[in-house]
Amino acid sequence: MILSDLGTKEERLKLLNGKVQIFAERAWKHDKEASFPVENIEDLKKIGYHTLTVPLENGGLDISLLELVQMQEIIAQADGSTALSIGWHMGIVKHLGEKRTWEAGMFQKFCEDVLQNGALLNNAASESGTGSPTRGGRPETTAFKVENHWLITGRKTFTTMSPVLDYFAVSASIQGTNEIGNFLIHKDRKGVTIEETWDSVAMRGTGSHDLVLTDVKVPNENLVEYITPGKKQAAGWLLHIPACYLGIAKAAQKYAIQFASNYSPNSIEGTIADLPYVRQKIGEMELSIQQSQHFLYSVARNWDEGNDNERQELRGVLGAVKHAVVNHAIKIVDLAMRVTGARSLSEKNPLQRYYRDVRAGLHNPPMDDATILLLAEDAIKKANV
């Protein structure tokens, strides 16, 4: 059974939930070894998950943003690294279908590769010398025009899901001009290598290694779009990020409640779930989860229902969702650890992994400081109308 054969969102969510439960068992090994969960990605491909955001006219199902974030949340409850990894592919494909920035034939060819061969894509934009691409730095990766092709040279950092990617959308400065282009590069191109540099203590299973490009020969048509550094438009697809961290937070809450409901020290009658202090913490977790979920889902619905102009008006609130959900997730995991006590710091306890993983959300785009400044700008404009 594949997801696209099911007629309703509820059926698809149920099937996905059943298929990803084994990811939680595998997460221990991949976190300990900092290895990439190839088998998780293969399991998702078997049910056609990777195809769901391909547009209808290109042969896909074109699920809504709301359904995408709900699905990403389900995967993250089982394994945050897997959710964040596949989320980039899912979100980027959705974004490309909405904006149509690539030449139609090139995009159709790519979609066919996704549908028929399970091809996966991620952007390769971050560099150690420029920091986050959202800050507007000019790529140090270069593109030289040579007759009827390009030569691309550079190094990209944080290339999430690199062990299984088929395509990289690489930003590069076009030599002799002030322009920056996005180049679609297949993994099998000569000069493309992955250097295994990922040593983070958080999201250890994302395979976010360095992509090294050495005189990679790329056809002219693989310059798929021109980009402007720092030009930020509303990007609904990035809601896959807070969805991931909300999923991790829900997993932490579930563990804490199960622990509290079963732990009965001989100093009390019943379990610690009966203690007012513990109930207070569980209630605080639930409040933050409900706030996060309502905020995330309502903004995703607004995106789905809006036209392009209305979507651009959501830029500030999209950042606010990510800011609120990630910071709530950090708080929720902390509360879960307070309920569980010193056991939460054991290597055998999943809470210590959740604690490390949710911290990674602070460093995914958009950054908290940029979001707050944008919200301030929006508030001042409204007040002066």
Protein backbone atom coordinates (compact mmCIF):
# COMPACT_ATOMS: atom_id res chain seq x y z
CA MET A 1 0.00 0.00 0.00
CA ILE A 2 1.31 3.46 -0.93
CA LEU A 3 0.07 6.72 0.50
CA SER A 4 -1.09 8.21 -2.79
CA ASP A 5 -3.56 5.31 -3.23
CA LEU A 6 -5.47 6.41 -0.13
CA GLY A 7 -8.37 8.78 -0.59
CA THR A 8 -8.23 10.86 2.57
CA LYS A 9 -5.67 12.67 4.68
CA GLU A 10 -6.78 10.73 7.75
CA GLU A 11 -6.06 7.41 6.02
CA ARG A 12 -2.63 8.62 4.94
CA LEU A 13 -1.75 9.86 8.42
CA LYS A 14 -2.80 6.54 9.93
CA LEU A 15 -0.72 4.49 7.47
CA LEU A 16 2.32 6.71 7.97
CA ASN A 17 2.02 6.50 11.75
CA GLY A 18 2.07 2.72 11.61
CA LYS A 19 5.06 2.57 9.29
CA VAL A 20 7.34 4.91 11.27
CA GLN A 21 7.09 3.30 14.70
CA ILE A 22 10.19 1.21 14.01
CA PHE A 23 12.16 4.44 13.47
CA ALA A 24 12.12 5.03 17.24
CA GLU A 25 13.87 1.70 17.81
CA ARG A 26 16.52 2.47 15.22
CA ALA A 27 17.12 6.00 16.53
CA TRP A 28 19.26 4.73 19.42
CA LYS A 29 21.85 3.17 17.11
CA HIS A 30 22.02 6.06 14.67
CA ASP A 31 22.34 8.63 17.45
CA LYS A 32 25.14 6.69 19.12
CA GLU A 33 27.04 6.14 15.89
CA ALA A 34 26.12 9.47 14.24
CA SER A 35 25.11 7.31 11.26
CA PHE A 36 22.47 8.11 8.70
CA PRO A 37 19.18 6.11 8.85
CA VAL A 38 19.19 4.94 5.25
CA GLU A 39 16.66 2.22 6.09
CA ASN A 40 14.17 4.85 7.35
CA ILE A 41 14.35 6.76 4.09
CA GLU A 42 13.90 3.53 2.15
CA ASP A 43 10.84 2.66 4.24
CA LEU A 44 9.35 6.07 3.47
CA LYS A 45 10.04 5.59 -0.23
CA LYS A 46 8.29 2.21 -0.17
CA ILE A 47 5.03 3.92 0.78
CA GLY A 48 5.64 6.78 -1.66
CA TYR A 49 6.07 9.45 0.98
CA HIS A 50 8.76 11.28 -1.00
CA THR A 51 6.32 11.83 -3.90
CA LEU A 52 3.46 13.47 -2.03
CA THR A 53 4.43 17.11 -2.64
CA VAL A 54 5.01 16.64 -6.38
CA PRO A 55 2.35 18.81 -8.11
CA LEU A 56 -0.72 17.18 -9.65
CA GLU A 57 0.14 18.37 -13.14
CA ASN A 58 3.55 16.73 -12.80
CA GLY A 59 2.10 13.40 -11.70
CA GLY A 60 2.07 13.75 -7.91
CA LEU A 61 -0.57 14.15 -5.22
CA ASP A 62 0.30 17.76 -4.25
CA ILE A 63 -0.73 17.46 -0.60
CA SER A 64 -1.55 20.61 1.34
CA LEU A 65 0.97 22.34 3.58
CA LEU A 66 -1.22 21.43 6.55
CA GLU A 67 -1.04 17.73 5.70
CA LEU A 68 2.71 17.99 5.16
CA VAL A 69 3.38 19.49 8.61
CA GLN A 70 1.11 16.92 10.26
CA MET A 71 2.99 14.11 8.52
CA GLN A 72 6.37 15.57 9.41
CA GLU A 73 5.26 15.79 13.02
CA ILE A 74 4.36 12.08 13.02
CA ILE A 75 7.77 11.10 11.64
CA ALA A 76 9.54 13.33 14.19
CA GLN A 77 7.77 11.66 17.10
CA ALA A 78 9.55 8.49 16.01
CA ASP A 79 12.86 10.04 14.95
CA GLY A 80 13.65 13.73 14.66
CA SER A 81 16.70 13.25 12.43
CA THR A 82 14.70 11.35 9.83
CA ALA A 83 11.92 13.94 9.88
CA LEU A 84 14.22 16.92 9.47
CA SER A 85 16.13 15.15 6.69
CA ILE A 86 13.20 14.13 4.49
CA GLY A 87 11.43 17.40 5.32
CA TRP A 88 13.89 19.39 3.22
CA HIS A 89 13.14 17.34 0.12
CA MET A 90 9.39 17.45 0.75
CA GLY A 91 9.33 21.18 1.37
CA ILE A 92 11.59 22.17 -1.52
CA VAL A 93 9.58 20.13 -4.02
CA LYS A 94 6.40 21.78 -2.74
CA HIS A 95 8.01 25.21 -3.02
CA LEU A 96 9.20 24.57 -6.59
CA GLY A 97 5.73 23.45 -7.58
CA GLU A 98 4.18 26.60 -6.14
CA LYS A 99 6.68 29.14 -7.48
CA ARG A 100 7.58 27.49 -10.81
CA THR A 101 11.02 29.09 -10.83
CA TRP A 102 12.60 26.30 -12.90
CA GLU A 103 12.08 25.86 -16.64
CA ALA A 104 9.02 23.65 -17.08
CA GLY A 105 10.80 20.85 -18.93
CA MET A 106 13.59 20.65 -16.37
CA PHE A 107 11.10 20.51 -13.49
CA GLN A 108 9.02 17.82 -15.21
CA LYS A 109 12.14 15.71 -15.80
CA PHE A 110 13.09 16.06 -12.14
CA CYS A 111 9.55 15.14 -10.98
CA GLU A 112 9.61 12.05 -13.15
CA ASP A 113 12.87 11.01 -11.50
CA VAL A 114 11.24 11.45 -8.09
CA LEU A 115 8.15 9.47 -9.06
CA GLN A 116 9.85 6.68 -10.98
CA ASN A 117 13.25 6.32 -9.31
CA GLY A 118 12.83 7.78 -5.82
CA ALA A 119 15.14 10.74 -6.47
CA LEU A 120 15.74 13.09 -3.53
CA LEU A 121 16.79 16.76 -3.53
CA ASN A 122 18.13 19.27 -1.04
CA ASN A 123 19.54 22.77 -1.30
CA ALA A 124 23.25 23.21 -0.74
CA ALA A 125 23.57 26.85 0.24
CA SER A 126 25.39 27.15 3.58
CA GLU A 127 29.13 27.83 3.67
CA SER A 128 31.53 28.28 6.57
CA GLY A 129 32.73 31.59 5.17
CA THR A 130 29.29 33.13 4.67
CA GLY A 131 27.22 31.66 7.51
CA SER A 132 23.52 31.09 7.04
CA PRO A 133 22.33 31.97 3.49
CA THR A 134 19.39 33.79 5.08
CA ARG A 135 21.83 36.48 6.26
CA GLY A 136 22.56 37.49 2.66
CA GLY A 137 26.21 36.49 2.28
CA ARG A 138 27.58 35.99 -1.23
CA PRO A 139 28.58 32.37 -1.91
CA GLU A 140 32.28 31.61 -2.15
CA THR A 141 31.38 28.66 -4.38
CA THR A 142 32.05 29.78 -7.96
CA ALA A 143 30.56 29.08 -11.37
CA PHE A 144 32.69 29.65 -14.49
CA LYS A 145 31.07 29.70 -17.93
CA VAL A 146 33.06 27.54 -20.37
CA GLU A 147 31.57 27.25 -23.87
CA ASN A 148 28.28 25.34 -23.44
CA HIS A 149 28.64 24.37 -19.78
CA TRP A 150 29.56 25.57 -16.31
CA LEU A 151 32.40 24.59 -14.00
CA ILE A 152 31.38 24.68 -10.33
CA THR A 153 33.92 24.69 -7.50
CA GLY A 154 33.35 25.14 -3.78
CA ARG A 155 32.41 23.59 -0.46
CA LYS A 156 28.96 23.57 1.13
CA THR A 157 28.28 22.85 4.80
CA PHE A 158 25.18 21.42 6.54
CA THR A 159 24.16 19.39 3.49
CA THR A 160 21.47 17.44 5.28
CA MET A 161 20.59 13.96 4.00
CA SER A 162 23.79 13.95 1.91
CA PRO A 163 24.29 10.14 2.08
CA VAL A 164 21.13 9.49 0.03
CA LEU A 165 20.64 12.65 -2.03
CA ASP A 166 20.44 12.35 -5.81
CA TYR A 167 20.39 16.09 -6.52
CA PHE A 168 21.91 19.17 -4.94
CA ALA A 169 20.61 22.67 -5.71
CA VAL A 170 23.90 24.53 -5.32
CA SER A 171 24.17 28.30 -4.97
CA ALA A 172 27.24 29.76 -6.65
CA SER A 173 28.60 33.16 -7.58
CA ILE A 174 28.77 33.56 -11.36
CA GLN A 175 32.25 34.77 -12.20
CA GLY A 176 32.55 38.08 -14.02
CA THR A 177 29.10 39.22 -12.84
CA ASN A 178 27.30 40.21 -9.66
CA GLU A 179 24.80 37.42 -10.19
CA ILE A 180 24.24 34.31 -8.10
CA GLY A 181 22.76 31.18 -9.58
CA ASN A 182 21.23 27.96 -8.33
CA PHE A 183 22.67 24.98 -10.21
CA LEU A 184 21.05 21.55 -10.24
CA ILE A 185 23.84 19.02 -9.81
CA HIS A 186 23.43 15.24 -9.81
CA LYS A 187 25.41 13.21 -7.29
CA ASP A 188 27.11 11.21 -10.07
CA ARG A 189 28.77 14.20 -11.71
CA LYS A 190 32.56 13.96 -11.75
CA GLY A 191 34.07 16.14 -9.03
CA VAL A 192 31.14 15.73 -6.59
CA THR A 193 32.20 14.25 -3.24
CA ILE A 194 30.80 14.10 0.28
CA GLU A 195 33.25 14.70 3.12
CA GLU A 196 31.88 13.21 6.34
CA THR A 197 32.31 16.14 8.70
CA TRP A 198 29.06 15.97 10.69
CA ASP A 199 30.01 15.82 14.39
CA SER A 200 27.13 17.70 16.00
CA VAL A 201 25.76 16.49 19.34
CA ALA A 202 22.24 17.29 18.06
CA MET A 203 20.39 15.71 15.14
CA ARG A 204 23.27 13.29 14.80
CA GLY A 205 21.43 11.15 12.27
CA THR A 206 20.87 13.83 9.62
CA GLY A 207 24.07 13.19 7.67
CA SER A 208 24.65 16.94 7.33
CA HIS A 209 28.13 16.56 5.90
CA ASP A 210 30.13 18.86 3.62
CA LEU A 211 29.49 18.78 -0.12
CA VAL A 212 32.78 19.31 -1.98
CA LEU A 213 32.65 20.39 -5.63
CA THR A 214 35.81 20.36 -7.73
CA ASP A 215 35.46 21.64 -11.30
CA VAL A 216 32.09 19.95 -11.63
CA LYS A 217 30.93 20.18 -15.23
CA VAL A 218 27.26 21.19 -15.45
CA PRO A 219 25.18 21.76 -18.61
CA ASN A 220 23.95 25.28 -19.34
CA GLU A 221 20.33 24.36 -18.66
CA ASN A 222 21.19 23.23 -15.12
CA LEU A 223 21.41 26.86 -14.10
CA VAL A 224 17.83 26.55 -12.90
CA GLU A 225 17.33 29.99 -11.37
CA TYR A 226 18.97 33.25 -10.35
CA ILE A 227 18.79 34.25 -6.70
CA THR A 228 19.24 37.47 -4.75
CA PRO A 229 21.15 37.18 -1.44
CA GLY A 230 19.10 38.23 1.55
CA LYS A 231 15.91 38.67 -0.51
CA LYS A 232 13.43 36.95 1.75
CA GLN A 233 9.97 36.05 0.55
CA ALA A 234 7.37 34.20 2.57
CA ALA A 235 8.22 30.50 2.53
CA GLY A 236 5.43 28.32 3.82
CA TRP A 237 7.38 25.15 3.09
CA LEU A 238 9.80 25.98 5.90
CA LEU A 239 7.05 25.06 8.37
CA HIS A 240 8.40 21.53 8.07
CA ILE A 241 11.04 22.73 10.56
CA PRO A 242 8.77 23.64 13.50
CA ALA A 243 6.65 20.57 12.71
CA CYS A 244 9.72 18.42 13.33
CA TYR A 245 10.46 19.99 16.71
CA LEU A 246 6.83 19.83 17.79
CA GLY A 247 6.93 16.11 17.03
CA ILE A 248 10.03 15.66 19.22
CA ALA A 249 8.35 17.62 22.03
CA LYS A 250 5.28 15.38 21.84
CA ALA A 251 7.52 12.33 22.10
CA ALA A 252 9.14 13.81 25.22
CA GLN A 253 5.77 14.54 26.81
CA LYS A 254 4.54 11.02 26.08
CA TYR A 255 7.62 9.49 27.66
CA ALA A 256 7.31 11.68 30.78
CA ILE A 257 3.64 10.81 31.25
CA GLN A 258 4.31 7.08 30.85
CA PHE A 259 7.17 7.28 33.31
CA ALA A 260 5.14 9.26 35.86
CA SER A 261 2.19 6.89 35.54
CA ASN A 262 4.36 3.87 36.32
CA TYR A 263 6.95 5.14 38.80
CA SER A 264 5.97 4.50 42.39
CA PRO A 265 8.73 5.11 44.96
CA ASN A 266 8.04 3.62 48.38
CA SER A 267 7.88 7.09 49.91
CA ILE A 268 4.42 7.72 48.43
CA GLU A 269 1.16 5.92 47.73
CA GLY A 270 0.29 5.49 44.08
CA THR A 271 2.56 6.87 41.37
CA ILE A 272 4.26 10.24 40.98
CA ALA A 273 1.59 11.12 38.39
CA ASP A 274 -0.66 11.76 41.40
CA LEU A 275 1.65 14.41 42.84
CA PRO A 276 0.60 18.06 42.34
CA TYR A 277 4.16 19.06 41.38
CA VAL A 278 4.28 16.47 38.61
CA ARG A 279 0.77 17.26 37.39
CA GLN A 280 1.75 20.92 37.20
CA LYS A 281 4.64 20.07 34.90
CA ILE A 282 2.49 17.79 32.72
CA GLY A 283 -0.13 20.53 32.43
CA GLU A 284 2.50 23.07 31.44
CA MET A 285 3.75 20.71 28.74
CA GLU A 286 0.23 20.22 27.43
CA LEU A 287 -0.42 23.96 27.34
CA SER A 288 2.71 24.58 25.28
CA ILE A 289 1.89 21.71 22.92
CA GLN A 290 -1.64 22.98 22.34
CA GLN A 291 -0.40 26.52 21.74
CA SER A 292 2.24 25.28 19.31
CA GLN A 293 -0.10 22.97 17.44
CA HIS A 294 -2.86 25.54 17.00
CA PHE A 295 -0.39 28.19 15.83
CA LEU A 296 1.34 25.84 13.38
CA TYR A 297 -1.85 24.35 11.93
CA SER A 298 -3.73 27.64 11.60
CA VAL A 299 -0.89 29.35 9.72
CA ALA A 300 -0.47 26.31 7.46
CA ARG A 301 -4.20 26.53 6.66
CA ASN A 302 -3.86 30.24 5.91
CA TRP A 303 -1.07 29.42 3.47
CA ASP A 304 -3.12 26.71 1.78
CA GLU A 305 -6.13 28.99 1.40
CA GLY A 306 -4.30 32.17 0.36
CA ASN A 307 -3.31 33.54 -3.02
CA ASP A 308 0.28 34.62 -3.69
CA ASN A 309 -0.22 38.16 -2.38
CA GLU A 310 -1.91 36.91 0.78
CA ARG A 311 0.89 34.39 1.31
CA GLN A 312 3.53 37.11 1.12
CA GLU A 313 1.73 38.90 3.96
CA LEU A 314 2.41 35.82 6.12
CA ARG A 315 6.18 36.27 6.14
CA GLY A 316 6.33 37.59 9.68
CA VAL A 317 3.87 35.11 11.12
CA LEU A 318 5.65 32.18 9.47
CA GLY A 319 8.81 33.18 11.31
CA ALA A 320 6.80 33.63 14.50
CA VAL A 321 5.52 30.05 14.23
CA LYS A 322 9.03 28.67 13.98
CA HIS A 323 10.24 30.87 16.86
CA ALA A 324 7.33 29.94 19.14
CA VAL A 325 7.22 26.21 18.37
CA VAL A 326 10.96 25.63 18.70
CA ASN A 327 11.26 27.55 21.96
CA HIS A 328 8.18 25.79 23.30
CA ALA A 329 9.74 22.46 22.31
CA ILE A 330 12.87 23.25 24.30
CA LYS A 331 10.71 24.11 27.31
CA ILE A 332 8.59 20.96 26.93
CA VAL A 333 11.61 18.66 26.86
CA ASP A 334 13.06 20.43 29.89
CA LEU A 335 9.79 19.91 31.78
CA ALA A 336 9.73 16.24 30.77
CA MET A 337 13.24 15.84 32.18
CA ARG A 338 12.19 17.52 35.44
CA VAL A 339 9.35 15.01 35.75
CA THR A 340 11.65 12.08 35.04
CA GLY A 341 14.51 13.32 37.19
CA ALA A 342 18.13 12.16 37.02
CA ARG A 343 17.15 9.14 34.92
CA SER A 344 16.59 11.53 32.01
CA LEU A 345 20.35 12.04 31.77
CA SER A 346 21.08 8.36 31.25
CA GLU A 347 22.44 7.40 27.84
CA LYS A 348 19.69 4.77 27.74
CA ASN A 349 16.97 7.39 28.14
CA PRO A 350 15.48 8.99 24.99
CA LEU A 351 14.95 12.30 26.78
CA GLN A 352 18.62 13.16 26.63
CA ARG A 353 18.46 12.75 22.83
CA TYR A 354 15.31 14.84 22.59
CA TYR A 355 17.01 17.50 24.71
CA ARG A 356 19.96 17.69 22.33
CA ASP A 357 17.85 17.50 19.19
CA VAL A 358 15.41 20.31 20.00
CA ARG A 359 18.33 22.69 20.60
CA ALA A 360 19.21 22.30 16.92
CA GLY A 361 15.99 24.11 16.02
CA LEU A 362 17.47 27.40 17.20
CA HIS A 363 19.93 27.21 14.31
CA ASN A 364 17.45 26.36 11.55
CA PRO A 365 16.01 29.25 9.52
CA PRO A 366 14.64 31.74 10.19
CA MET A 367 16.79 32.73 13.18
CA ASP A 368 15.09 34.08 16.30
CA ASP A 369 16.67 37.54 16.15
CA ALA A 370 15.67 38.05 12.51
CA THR A 371 12.12 36.98 13.29
CA ILE A 372 11.78 39.39 16.21
CA LEU A 373 13.11 42.31 14.15
CA LEU A 374 10.68 41.49 11.33
CA LEU A 375 7.77 41.32 13.77
CA ALA A 376 8.80 44.69 15.20
CA GLU A 377 8.88 46.15 11.69
CA ASP A 378 5.42 44.77 10.95
CA ALA A 379 4.01 46.07 14.24
CA ILE A 380 5.39 49.58 13.62
CA LYS A 381 3.90 49.65 10.13
CA LYS A 382 0.49 48.63 11.46
CA ALA A 383 0.60 51.25 14.20
CA ASN A 384 1.42 53.99 11.69
CA VAL A 385 -1.34 53.11 9.23
